[in-house]
Amino acid sequence: MTDPTGFEFRKSSYSGATGECIEVARNITGVVALRDSKNPAGPVLTVPALAWSAFVAGIRRSAFPHT
């Protein structure tokens, strides 16, 4: 789905039917955008692509404690 900013958002195929998901856009070089799937017209959080990659890598190696 493309929004007026040019981001093409998608959500995981693992998302449930409850709609409590985030959508991620990675189609613009150097930036990753995130938004709430329940509110596509709401605010968009943007982060540098390198920071997003480091965050995802940390999740994959369980670098963040579960509380």
N, C-alpha and C. Protein backbone atom coordinates (compact mmCIF):
# COMPACT_ATOMS: atom_id res chain seq x y z
N MET A 1 0.85 -1.16 0.00
CA MET A 1 0.00 0.00 0.00
C MET A 1 0.90 1.24 0.00
N THR A 2 0.69 2.15 -0.93
CA THR A 2 1.48 3.38 -1.01
C THR A 2 0.70 4.52 -0.39
N ASP A 3 1.35 5.31 0.43
CA ASP A 3 0.69 6.48 1.00
C ASP A 3 1.26 7.74 0.36
N PRO A 4 0.72 8.92 0.68
CA PRO A 4 1.17 10.15 0.02
C PRO A 4 2.65 10.48 0.20
N THR A 5 3.30 9.93 1.22
CA THR A 5 4.72 10.21 1.44
C THR A 5 5.61 9.39 0.52
N GLY A 6 5.03 8.43 -0.18
CA GLY A 6 5.81 7.56 -1.06
C GLY A 6 6.21 6.24 -0.42
N PHE A 7 5.93 6.08 0.87
CA PHE A 7 6.24 4.82 1.52
C PHE A 7 5.28 3.73 1.05
N GLU A 8 5.80 2.55 0.84
CA GLU A 8 4.99 1.39 0.48
C GLU A 8 4.97 0.44 1.68
N PHE A 9 3.93 0.54 2.47
CA PHE A 9 3.83 -0.22 3.71
C PHE A 9 3.34 -1.63 3.46
N ARG A 10 3.86 -2.53 4.29
CA ARG A 10 3.38 -3.92 4.29
C ARG A 10 3.44 -4.43 5.72
N LYS A 11 2.63 -5.43 5.98
CA LYS A 11 2.71 -6.07 7.29
C LYS A 11 3.01 -7.54 7.11
N SER A 12 3.49 -8.14 8.14
CA SER A 12 3.92 -9.53 8.10
C SER A 12 2.78 -10.46 7.74
N SER A 13 3.11 -11.49 7.01
CA SER A 13 2.12 -12.53 6.71
C SER A 13 1.79 -13.32 7.98
N TYR A 14 2.58 -13.17 9.02
CA TYR A 14 2.32 -13.83 10.30
C TYR A 14 1.34 -13.04 11.16
N SER A 15 0.92 -11.86 10.71
CA SER A 15 0.00 -11.04 11.47
C SER A 15 -1.34 -11.75 11.63
N GLY A 16 -1.90 -11.61 12.79
CA GLY A 16 -3.20 -12.23 13.04
C GLY A 16 -4.35 -11.38 12.52
N ALA A 17 -5.53 -11.87 12.67
CA ALA A 17 -6.72 -11.18 12.18
C ALA A 17 -7.18 -10.07 13.12
N THR A 18 -6.54 -9.92 14.28
CA THR A 18 -6.97 -8.92 15.25
C THR A 18 -6.60 -7.50 14.85
N GLY A 19 -5.69 -7.34 13.91
CA GLY A 19 -5.32 -6.01 13.43
C GLY A 19 -4.35 -5.27 14.32
N GLU A 20 -3.77 -5.94 15.28
CA GLU A 20 -2.81 -5.30 16.19
C GLU A 20 -1.41 -5.50 15.66
N CYS A 21 -1.09 -4.78 14.61
CA CYS A 21 0.18 -4.99 13.91
C CYS A 21 0.84 -3.66 13.59
N ILE A 22 2.10 -3.74 13.28
CA ILE A 22 2.75 -2.58 12.69
C ILE A 22 2.97 -2.89 11.22
N GLU A 23 3.01 -1.84 10.43
CA GLU A 23 3.35 -1.96 9.02
C GLU A 23 4.71 -1.31 8.84
N VAL A 24 5.51 -1.89 7.97
CA VAL A 24 6.88 -1.42 7.74
C VAL A 24 7.04 -1.08 6.27
N ALA A 25 7.73 0.03 6.01
CA ALA A 25 8.06 0.42 4.64
C ALA A 25 9.57 0.56 4.53
N ARG A 26 10.14 -0.12 3.54
CA ARG A 26 11.60 -0.08 3.34
C ARG A 26 11.95 0.31 1.92
N ASN A 27 11.03 0.92 1.20
CA ASN A 27 11.24 1.20 -0.21
C ASN A 27 11.99 2.50 -0.49
N ILE A 28 12.26 3.31 0.51
CA ILE A 28 13.00 4.55 0.31
C ILE A 28 14.39 4.37 0.90
N THR A 29 15.39 4.59 0.08
CA THR A 29 16.78 4.34 0.46
C THR A 29 17.15 5.09 1.74
N GLY A 30 17.73 4.35 2.68
CA GLY A 30 18.26 4.94 3.89
C GLY A 30 17.27 5.15 5.02
N VAL A 31 15.99 4.85 4.78
CA VAL A 31 14.96 5.11 5.78
C VAL A 31 14.02 3.91 5.90
N VAL A 32 13.61 3.62 7.12
CA VAL A 32 12.56 2.63 7.36
C VAL A 32 11.43 3.37 8.07
N ALA A 33 10.21 3.15 7.61
CA ALA A 33 9.05 3.81 8.22
C ALA A 33 8.16 2.76 8.87
N LEU A 34 7.57 3.12 10.00
CA LEU A 34 6.68 2.21 10.74
C LEU A 34 5.39 2.95 11.06
N ARG A 35 4.29 2.21 11.02
CA ARG A 35 3.01 2.80 11.41
C ARG A 35 2.10 1.71 11.97
N ASP A 36 1.06 2.14 12.66
CA ASP A 36 0.06 1.23 13.23
C ASP A 36 -0.91 0.82 12.14
N SER A 37 -1.09 -0.47 11.94
CA SER A 37 -1.98 -0.94 10.87
C SER A 37 -3.44 -0.56 11.12
N LYS A 38 -3.81 -0.32 12.38
CA LYS A 38 -5.18 0.08 12.69
C LYS A 38 -5.44 1.54 12.33
N ASN A 39 -4.38 2.32 12.13
CA ASN A 39 -4.53 3.75 11.88
C ASN A 39 -3.59 4.18 10.76
N PRO A 40 -3.84 3.77 9.52
CA PRO A 40 -2.92 4.09 8.43
C PRO A 40 -2.75 5.58 8.17
N ALA A 41 -3.72 6.39 8.58
CA ALA A 41 -3.60 7.84 8.40
C ALA A 41 -2.91 8.50 9.58
N GLY A 42 -2.54 7.72 10.59
CA GLY A 42 -1.92 8.26 11.79
C GLY A 42 -0.44 8.55 11.60
N PRO A 43 0.24 8.78 12.71
CA PRO A 43 1.66 9.14 12.64
C PRO A 43 2.52 8.01 12.10
N VAL A 44 3.61 8.41 11.48
CA VAL A 44 4.60 7.48 10.92
C VAL A 44 5.92 7.73 11.63
N LEU A 45 6.53 6.68 12.15
CA LEU A 45 7.84 6.76 12.77
C LEU A 45 8.87 6.39 11.71
N THR A 46 9.87 7.24 11.51
CA THR A 46 10.94 6.91 10.57
C THR A 46 12.25 6.77 11.34
N VAL A 47 13.04 5.80 10.93
CA VAL A 47 14.34 5.56 11.54
C VAL A 47 15.35 5.31 10.43
N PRO A 48 16.62 5.61 10.68
CA PRO A 48 17.63 5.29 9.67
C PRO A 48 17.66 3.78 9.42
N ALA A 49 17.84 3.40 8.18
CA ALA A 49 17.85 1.98 7.81
C ALA A 49 18.91 1.20 8.56
N LEU A 50 20.08 1.81 8.80
CA LEU A 50 21.13 1.11 9.54
C LEU A 50 20.71 0.83 10.98
N ALA A 51 20.02 1.77 11.59
CA ALA A 51 19.53 1.57 12.96
C ALA A 51 18.49 0.46 13.00
N TRP A 52 17.61 0.43 12.01
CA TRP A 52 16.59 -0.63 11.94
C TRP A 52 17.26 -1.99 11.78
N SER A 53 18.25 -2.07 10.91
CA SER A 53 18.96 -3.34 10.70
C SER A 53 19.63 -3.81 11.98
N ALA A 54 20.22 -2.88 12.74
CA ALA A 54 20.86 -3.25 14.01
C ALA A 54 19.82 -3.72 15.02
N PHE A 55 18.66 -3.08 15.05
CA PHE A 55 17.58 -3.47 15.95
C PHE A 55 17.09 -4.89 15.62
N VAL A 56 16.84 -5.15 14.35
CA VAL A 56 16.37 -6.48 13.94
C VAL A 56 17.43 -7.54 14.24
N ALA A 57 18.70 -7.22 13.99
CA ALA A 57 19.77 -8.17 14.29
C ALA A 57 19.81 -8.48 15.79
N GLY A 58 19.59 -7.46 16.62
CA GLY A 58 19.55 -7.66 18.06
C GLY A 58 18.42 -8.57 18.49
N ILE A 59 17.27 -8.41 17.86
CA ILE A 59 16.13 -9.29 18.16
C ILE A 59 16.47 -10.72 17.79
N ARG A 60 17.06 -10.90 16.63
CA ARG A 60 17.37 -12.25 16.16
C ARG A 60 18.37 -12.97 17.06
N ARG A 61 19.28 -12.23 17.67
CA ARG A 61 20.26 -12.89 18.54
C ARG A 61 19.87 -12.79 20.01
N SER A 62 18.63 -12.41 20.28
CA SER A 62 18.09 -12.31 21.64
C SER A 62 18.89 -11.38 22.52
N ALA A 63 19.29 -10.24 21.98
CA ALA A 63 20.10 -9.28 22.72
C ALA A 63 19.29 -8.46 23.71
N PHE A 64 17.97 -8.50 23.61
CA PHE A 64 17.12 -7.71 24.48
C PHE A 64 16.44 -8.63 25.49
N PRO A 65 16.51 -8.28 26.78
CA PRO A 65 15.90 -9.15 27.79
C PRO A 65 14.38 -9.16 27.67
N HIS A 66 13.79 -10.31 27.92
CA HIS A 66 12.34 -10.43 27.97
C HIS A 66 11.89 -10.13 29.39
N THR A 67 10.96 -9.22 29.52
CA THR A 67 10.47 -8.88 30.87
C THR A 67 9.00 -9.12 30.98
